[in-house]
Amino acid sequence: MSIKNNKVKAYVGTYTNGDGKGIYSFQLDLITGTIDDVKLEAELNNPTYINIDKSNRYLYSTIKKGESGGVAAFSITPDTKDLKLINYVVSEGSAPCHVSLNSNNTYVFSANYHRGIEEAYPIKEDGSIEKDVSTAVHTGSGSNKERQEKPHVHFSTLTPDEKYLCAIDLGIDKLIIYTLDKGILSKHKEVALRPGCGPRHMDFHTNGKFAYIVTELSSEVIVLEYDALKGDFKELQYISALPSDFKGESLGSAIHISLDGRYLYASNRGHDSIAVFKIDSSTGKLTFLSHTSTDGKHPRDFNIDPIGKFLIAANRDTNNVVSFLIDKVSGKLTQVNFGVSIPNPVCIKFLAI
């Protein structure tokens, strides 16, 4: 169990083109929501997205090495929870923007925005990444000439039954569904979304029946029904994550569902807020409830702690991480700290408890 003195450890991926130097960590007090003990865990270039295996033994991150990019593997020391680099696998070109894992930690999946590719890396028993990588190349373009001139794979995750890998492509407005057979990614189906919406990140409901995609370009949440037998999705709803009277520029970023499955949260960069929605568990549809300021600029990502009590937002452009108490009855967010300094924070992942 990764909890001591009512605290749980989290790791933060960052951009290193500013003051960020790599992967940081902090301790979250699960009683008060206080964030402290911030420290640099590992120095590397652009570990913008990270993920941790379910056993708390390994952490995987994006990495940039010169003109190449790929994925790095770290071991998590059992006692101190410090990170130790195991290895990395890179290839020529831009680094990926997202990494995810399967439940038994045999594959790490990466989504590459700039290259427009989805990749699957086998993982050895010691947590290291193998060089035998399966690559799926996306093709096409979207209606937004500036942002959708080519494919931009932004996110990938397995379905709850882990039969399929869902790759979200902002550049071509598609959800592309893959199977992974003997380490090879094979396209199963694709779901075309509204032209110009720019899908970015995805989360599944706790009941496994519904999925939700936040769009970057239109700042909406798309509600989908998941058909596990067919490995397919049906669109149910599009709902804005911005106030109806908002006139400025804003981009959707991250999306997460409360642990009890009652509420959905989506972040806005520009409006700099977290939108709160109530989920109808029978239909999957959303009802907008409120907006909460993230007390900073450009909340690129956020996460919910392992017991579902606090939401932690990462404000990239103001270099701060802010905690909010989740009201489990209303879903409302209440800020409980005034921001802890971490340079260029992007992604927050907690150890399991």
Protein backbone atom coordinates (compact mmCIF):
# COMPACT_ATOMS: atom_id res chain seq x y z
CA MET A 1 0.00 0.00 0.00
CA SER A 2 1.45 3.34 -1.12
CA ILE A 3 0.13 5.53 1.68
CA LYS A 4 1.92 6.79 4.78
CA ASN A 5 0.76 9.45 7.23
CA ASN A 6 -2.42 9.88 5.14
CA LYS A 7 -0.31 10.91 2.13
CA VAL A 8 -0.08 9.50 -1.38
CA LYS A 9 2.67 10.18 -3.89
CA ALA A 10 2.07 11.56 -7.37
CA TYR A 11 4.42 12.06 -10.31
CA VAL A 12 4.25 14.98 -12.73
CA GLY A 13 5.32 14.99 -16.37
CA THR A 14 6.53 18.34 -17.69
CA TYR A 15 7.72 20.28 -20.70
CA THR A 16 11.44 21.01 -20.48
CA ASN A 17 11.58 23.89 -22.96
CA GLY A 18 11.07 26.25 -20.00
CA ASP A 19 12.27 25.74 -16.41
CA GLY A 20 11.13 22.11 -16.25
CA LYS A 21 13.90 19.52 -15.98
CA GLY A 22 11.98 16.24 -16.18
CA ILE A 23 9.65 14.20 -13.98
CA TYR A 24 8.71 15.70 -10.63
CA SER A 25 6.80 14.29 -7.67
CA PHE A 26 4.74 15.56 -4.76
CA GLN A 27 2.85 14.24 -1.75
CA LEU A 28 -0.89 14.82 -1.43
CA ASP A 29 -2.44 14.82 2.04
CA LEU A 30 -5.67 12.84 1.66
CA ILE A 31 -7.20 14.55 4.69
CA THR A 32 -6.54 18.21 3.89
CA GLY A 33 -5.67 18.25 0.20
CA THR A 34 -2.33 19.92 0.96
CA ILE A 35 0.43 19.38 -1.62
CA ASP A 36 4.04 19.30 -0.40
CA ASP A 37 7.44 17.59 -0.71
CA VAL A 38 7.87 18.59 -4.35
CA LYS A 39 11.08 17.24 -5.87
CA LEU A 40 12.72 16.40 -9.18
CA GLU A 41 12.63 12.63 -9.66
CA ALA A 42 14.32 12.15 -13.03
CA GLU A 43 16.04 14.48 -15.48
CA LEU A 44 15.08 13.93 -19.12
CA ASN A 45 13.75 15.94 -22.05
CA ASN A 46 10.00 16.42 -22.47
CA PRO A 47 8.47 13.66 -20.33
CA THR A 48 5.15 15.36 -21.03
CA TYR A 49 2.99 12.32 -20.38
CA ILE A 50 3.58 9.48 -17.94
CA ASN A 51 1.80 6.37 -16.72
CA ILE A 52 2.28 3.89 -13.88
CA ASP A 53 1.62 0.15 -13.88
CA LYS A 54 -1.01 -1.19 -11.47
CA SER A 55 1.59 -2.81 -9.21
CA ASN A 56 3.43 0.50 -8.59
CA ARG A 57 6.66 -1.12 -9.82
CA TYR A 58 7.23 0.79 -13.06
CA LEU A 59 6.65 4.20 -14.60
CA TYR A 60 6.71 4.93 -18.33
CA SER A 61 7.11 8.35 -19.96
CA THR A 62 7.50 10.06 -23.28
CA ILE A 63 11.07 11.13 -23.99
CA LYS A 64 12.93 13.33 -26.48
CA LYS A 65 16.56 12.48 -27.28
CA GLY A 66 18.13 14.92 -29.72
CA GLU A 67 16.19 14.64 -32.98
CA SER A 68 14.52 11.39 -31.88
CA GLY A 69 11.61 10.56 -29.62
CA GLY A 70 10.03 7.55 -27.93
CA VAL A 71 9.24 5.99 -24.57
CA ALA A 72 11.34 5.56 -21.39
CA ALA A 73 10.95 2.97 -18.63
CA PHE A 74 11.69 3.58 -14.94
CA SER A 75 11.59 1.31 -11.91
CA ILE A 76 9.90 2.65 -8.75
CA THR A 77 11.97 1.88 -5.64
CA PRO A 78 9.68 -0.02 -3.21
CA ASP A 79 10.58 1.93 -0.05
CA THR A 80 11.34 5.48 -1.19
CA LYS A 81 9.28 5.45 -4.43
CA ASP A 82 12.21 7.10 -6.20
CA LEU A 83 12.60 6.59 -9.95
CA LYS A 84 15.49 4.75 -11.60
CA LEU A 85 15.87 4.69 -15.38
CA ILE A 86 15.76 1.17 -16.85
CA ASN A 87 15.97 1.94 -20.57
CA TYR A 88 14.37 3.85 -23.43
CA VAL A 89 13.48 3.18 -27.04
CA VAL A 90 13.50 6.07 -29.53
CA SER A 91 13.33 6.54 -33.29
CA GLU A 92 14.00 9.50 -35.56
CA GLY A 93 11.34 12.21 -35.37
CA SER A 94 9.20 13.97 -32.78
CA ALA A 95 8.43 12.40 -29.40
CA PRO A 96 4.96 11.02 -28.67
CA CYS A 97 2.48 13.03 -26.58
CA HIS A 98 0.77 10.19 -24.67
CA VAL A 99 1.56 6.79 -23.15
CA SER A 100 -0.75 4.13 -21.69
CA LEU A 101 -0.43 0.53 -20.48
CA ASN A 102 -2.35 -2.71 -20.42
CA SER A 103 -3.29 -4.15 -17.03
CA ASN A 104 -0.64 -6.89 -16.89
CA ASN A 105 2.12 -4.51 -17.99
CA THR A 106 3.15 -6.38 -21.13
CA TYR A 107 2.63 -3.46 -23.55
CA VAL A 108 3.05 0.30 -23.50
CA PHE A 109 1.13 2.25 -26.14
CA SER A 110 2.16 5.65 -27.45
CA ALA A 111 0.25 8.25 -29.45
CA ASN A 112 2.37 10.56 -31.59
CA TYR A 113 0.77 13.89 -32.49
CA HIS A 114 3.42 15.17 -34.89
CA ARG A 115 4.09 11.90 -36.69
CA GLY A 116 0.44 10.82 -36.83
CA ILE A 117 1.19 7.30 -35.62
CA GLU A 118 0.11 4.87 -32.91
CA GLU A 119 2.74 2.46 -31.53
CA ALA A 120 2.80 -0.63 -29.31
CA TYR A 121 6.00 -1.48 -27.43
CA PRO A 122 6.37 -4.91 -25.78
CA ILE A 123 7.52 -4.84 -22.15
CA LYS A 124 9.87 -7.47 -20.66
CA GLU A 125 9.42 -9.03 -17.22
CA ASP A 126 11.97 -6.63 -15.74
CA GLY A 127 9.91 -3.63 -16.90
CA SER A 128 12.23 -2.70 -19.76
CA ILE A 129 10.89 -1.80 -23.19
CA GLU A 130 11.68 -4.00 -26.19
CA LYS A 131 12.75 -2.50 -29.51
CA ASP A 132 10.31 -4.64 -31.53
CA VAL A 133 7.64 -1.97 -32.02
CA SER A 134 4.36 -2.25 -33.96
CA THR A 135 3.46 0.99 -35.74
CA ALA A 136 0.09 2.00 -37.21
CA VAL A 137 0.23 5.01 -39.55
CA HIS A 138 -2.84 7.24 -39.81
CA THR A 139 -3.78 9.01 -43.05
CA GLY A 140 -6.06 11.85 -44.10
CA SER A 141 -6.83 15.40 -42.97
CA GLY A 142 -9.64 17.44 -41.43
CA SER A 143 -11.65 20.57 -42.17
CA ASN A 144 -9.51 22.93 -40.05
CA LYS A 145 -6.67 23.83 -42.44
CA GLU A 146 -4.39 25.17 -39.71
CA ARG A 147 -4.74 22.33 -37.18
CA GLN A 148 -5.95 19.39 -39.27
CA GLU A 149 -3.59 19.43 -42.24
CA LYS A 150 -2.63 15.82 -41.48
CA PRO A 151 -3.25 13.13 -38.82
CA HIS A 152 -2.45 14.05 -35.22
CA VAL A 153 -2.84 11.07 -32.88
CA HIS A 154 -3.27 12.59 -29.43
CA PHE A 155 -4.32 9.79 -27.10
CA SER A 156 -4.87 6.04 -26.89
CA THR A 157 -6.42 3.74 -24.31
CA LEU A 158 -7.66 0.19 -24.09
CA THR A 159 -11.37 -0.57 -23.81
CA PRO A 160 -12.40 -1.79 -20.32
CA ASP A 161 -12.35 -5.41 -21.53
CA GLU A 162 -8.90 -4.77 -23.10
CA LYS A 163 -10.01 -6.34 -26.39
CA TYR A 164 -9.40 -3.15 -28.35
CA LEU A 165 -7.12 -0.12 -28.38
CA CYS A 166 -8.82 3.22 -29.05
CA ALA A 167 -6.66 5.85 -30.76
CA ILE A 168 -7.99 9.43 -30.79
CA ASP A 169 -6.87 11.45 -33.82
CA LEU A 170 -7.32 15.23 -33.59
CA GLY A 171 -6.17 15.81 -37.15
CA ILE A 172 -8.74 13.64 -38.92
CA ASP A 173 -11.65 13.77 -36.42
CA LYS A 174 -11.67 10.03 -35.88
CA LEU A 175 -11.63 7.39 -33.20
CA ILE A 176 -9.69 4.47 -34.69
CA ILE A 177 -10.06 1.07 -33.04
CA TYR A 178 -7.27 -1.50 -33.16
CA THR A 179 -6.75 -5.09 -32.14
CA LEU A 180 -3.36 -6.26 -30.90
CA ASP A 181 -2.64 -9.76 -32.18
CA LYS A 182 0.78 -11.23 -31.39
CA GLY A 183 2.13 -7.73 -30.88
CA ILE A 184 0.82 -6.32 -34.17
CA LEU A 185 -1.67 -3.44 -34.30
CA SER A 186 -4.46 -4.13 -36.81
CA LYS A 187 -7.26 -1.71 -37.62
CA HIS A 188 -10.64 -3.07 -36.53
CA LYS A 189 -13.01 -0.14 -37.10
CA GLU A 190 -13.06 3.64 -37.21
CA VAL A 191 -15.64 6.10 -35.96
CA ALA A 192 -15.95 9.43 -37.78
CA LEU A 193 -16.73 12.34 -35.45
CA ARG A 194 -18.07 15.82 -36.27
CA PRO A 195 -15.82 17.60 -38.77
CA GLY A 196 -13.53 20.15 -37.13
CA CYS A 197 -14.17 19.07 -33.55
CA GLY A 198 -10.56 17.92 -33.00
CA PRO A 199 -10.95 15.00 -30.54
CA ARG A 200 -8.21 14.92 -27.93
CA HIS A 201 -8.62 12.67 -24.85
CA MET A 202 -11.02 9.88 -23.82
CA ASP A 203 -12.30 8.23 -20.65
CA PHE A 204 -14.62 5.27 -20.06
CA HIS A 205 -17.44 5.22 -17.55
CA THR A 206 -16.99 2.93 -14.56
CA ASN A 207 -19.82 0.70 -15.85
CA GLY A 208 -17.94 0.08 -19.12
CA LYS A 209 -20.99 0.93 -21.23
CA PHE A 210 -20.14 4.51 -22.16
CA ALA A 211 -17.10 6.47 -23.28
CA TYR A 212 -16.47 10.21 -23.33
CA ILE A 213 -14.17 12.24 -25.58
CA VAL A 214 -13.14 15.84 -24.95
CA THR A 215 -12.55 17.82 -28.13
CA GLU A 216 -9.75 20.34 -28.38
CA LEU A 217 -10.94 22.52 -31.25
CA SER A 218 -14.67 22.75 -30.44
CA SER A 219 -14.32 22.42 -26.63
CA GLU A 220 -17.07 19.82 -26.35
CA VAL A 221 -17.61 16.46 -24.70
CA ILE A 222 -18.79 13.64 -26.94
CA VAL A 223 -20.82 10.86 -25.33
CA LEU A 224 -20.46 7.41 -26.94
CA GLU A 225 -22.08 4.06 -26.26
CA TYR A 226 -19.60 1.16 -26.33
CA ASP A 227 -20.67 -2.12 -27.97
CA ALA A 228 -18.28 -4.67 -26.49
CA LEU A 229 -19.49 -7.49 -28.74
CA LYS A 230 -18.82 -5.59 -31.96
CA GLY A 231 -15.95 -3.45 -30.72
CA ASP A 232 -17.74 -0.34 -31.94
CA PHE A 233 -19.14 2.97 -30.69
CA LYS A 234 -22.36 4.92 -31.25
CA GLU A 235 -22.56 8.71 -30.84
CA LEU A 236 -25.17 9.80 -28.27
CA GLN A 237 -24.49 13.45 -27.44
CA TYR A 238 -22.29 16.51 -28.03
CA ILE A 239 -22.27 19.07 -25.21
CA SER A 240 -20.17 22.22 -24.81
CA ALA A 241 -17.59 22.48 -22.02
CA LEU A 242 -17.60 26.30 -22.24
CA PRO A 243 -20.09 28.91 -20.97
CA SER A 244 -22.63 29.92 -23.61
CA ASP A 245 -21.58 33.57 -23.34
CA PHE A 246 -17.81 32.95 -23.53
CA LYS A 247 -16.30 34.84 -26.49
CA GLY A 248 -12.57 34.24 -26.07
CA GLU A 249 -10.28 31.54 -27.41
CA SER A 250 -10.19 28.25 -25.53
CA LEU A 251 -9.13 24.68 -26.20
CA GLY A 252 -10.40 21.51 -24.55
CA SER A 253 -7.70 19.42 -22.90
CA ALA A 254 -8.29 16.63 -20.37
CA ILE A 255 -11.23 14.52 -19.23
CA HIS A 256 -11.76 12.31 -16.16
CA ILE A 257 -14.72 10.66 -14.45
CA SER A 258 -15.23 10.56 -10.68
CA LEU A 259 -14.51 7.22 -9.03
CA ASP A 260 -18.20 6.67 -8.25
CA GLY A 261 -19.14 7.31 -11.91
CA ARG A 262 -21.56 10.12 -11.06
CA TYR A 263 -19.67 13.13 -12.42
CA LEU A 264 -17.46 14.01 -15.36
CA TYR A 265 -14.80 16.73 -15.39
CA ALA A 266 -13.25 18.38 -18.45
CA SER A 267 -10.61 21.12 -18.57
CA ASN A 268 -10.54 24.25 -20.73
CA ARG A 269 -7.35 26.11 -21.70
CA GLY A 270 -8.15 29.76 -22.34
CA HIS A 271 -11.25 29.84 -20.18
CA ASP A 272 -8.89 28.15 -17.67
CA SER A 273 -11.53 26.12 -15.92
CA ILE A 274 -12.81 22.69 -15.07
CA ALA A 275 -16.32 22.01 -16.41
CA VAL A 276 -18.44 19.75 -14.20
CA PHE A 277 -21.15 17.48 -15.65
CA LYS A 278 -23.58 15.06 -14.05
CA ILE A 279 -23.72 11.62 -15.70
CA ASP A 280 -26.98 9.74 -16.21
CA SER A 281 -25.74 6.19 -15.60
CA SER A 282 -28.62 4.63 -17.51
CA THR A 283 -28.33 6.69 -20.71
CA GLY A 284 -24.74 7.91 -20.41
CA LYS A 285 -25.82 11.45 -21.28
CA LEU A 286 -24.46 14.55 -19.55
CA THR A 287 -26.03 17.54 -17.84
CA PHE A 288 -23.80 20.59 -17.35
CA LEU A 289 -23.50 21.74 -13.73
CA SER A 290 -20.76 24.35 -13.24
CA HIS A 291 -17.35 25.79 -14.06
CA THR A 292 -14.50 26.17 -11.57
CA SER A 293 -11.43 28.32 -12.19
CA THR A 294 -8.15 26.38 -12.06
CA ASP A 295 -6.42 29.37 -10.42
CA GLY A 296 -3.82 29.41 -13.18
CA LYS A 297 -3.35 29.44 -16.93
CA HIS A 298 -3.52 26.58 -19.43
CA PRO A 299 -4.71 23.58 -17.36
CA ARG A 300 -3.30 21.02 -19.79
CA ASP A 301 -4.24 18.07 -17.60
CA PHE A 302 -5.60 17.11 -14.20
CA ASN A 303 -6.27 13.96 -12.21
CA ILE A 304 -8.34 12.61 -9.32
CA ASP A 305 -6.62 11.04 -6.31
CA PRO A 306 -6.92 7.27 -5.68
CA ILE A 307 -9.74 7.61 -3.13
CA GLY A 308 -11.71 10.10 -5.23
CA LYS A 309 -11.60 12.97 -2.74
CA PHE A 310 -9.47 15.60 -4.50
CA LEU A 311 -8.98 16.79 -8.06
CA ILE A 312 -5.51 18.14 -8.87
CA ALA A 313 -5.09 20.53 -11.81
CA ALA A 314 -1.79 21.19 -13.62
CA ASN A 315 -1.55 24.76 -14.94
CA ARG A 316 1.28 24.67 -17.48
CA ASP A 317 1.70 28.37 -18.22
CA THR A 318 1.62 29.57 -14.59
CA ASN A 319 3.82 26.70 -13.34
CA ASN A 320 1.48 25.63 -10.56
CA VAL A 321 -0.46 22.60 -9.36
CA VAL A 322 -3.73 23.24 -7.50
CA SER A 323 -5.95 20.91 -5.46
CA PHE A 324 -9.76 20.96 -5.23
CA LEU A 325 -12.09 19.11 -2.89
CA ILE A 326 -14.77 17.08 -4.71
CA ASP A 327 -18.23 17.26 -3.15
CA LYS A 328 -19.43 13.68 -3.61
CA VAL A 329 -23.09 14.71 -3.38
CA SER A 330 -23.10 17.62 -5.86
CA GLY A 331 -19.86 17.04 -7.79
CA LYS A 332 -18.86 20.65 -7.04
CA LEU A 333 -15.18 21.58 -6.78
CA THR A 334 -13.81 23.77 -3.98
CA GLN A 335 -10.22 24.98 -4.09
CA VAL A 336 -8.25 23.93 -1.02
CA ASN A 337 -4.74 25.24 -1.74
CA PHE A 338 -3.30 28.25 -3.54
CA GLY A 339 -1.03 26.47 -5.94
CA VAL A 340 2.29 24.73 -5.48
CA SER A 341 5.10 25.59 -7.88
CA ILE A 342 6.13 22.94 -10.41
CA PRO A 343 7.65 24.14 -13.71
CA ASN A 344 5.58 23.55 -16.88
CA PRO A 345 3.40 20.75 -15.43
CA VAL A 346 1.43 18.65 -17.92
CA CYS A 347 0.41 15.25 -16.58
CA ILE A 348 -0.26 13.98 -13.03
CA LYS A 349 -0.33 10.28 -12.09
CA PHE A 350 -0.83 8.83 -8.61
CA LEU A 351 0.53 5.64 -7.16
CA ALA A 352 -2.25 3.10 -6.57
CA ILE A 353 -3.25 2.50 -2.95
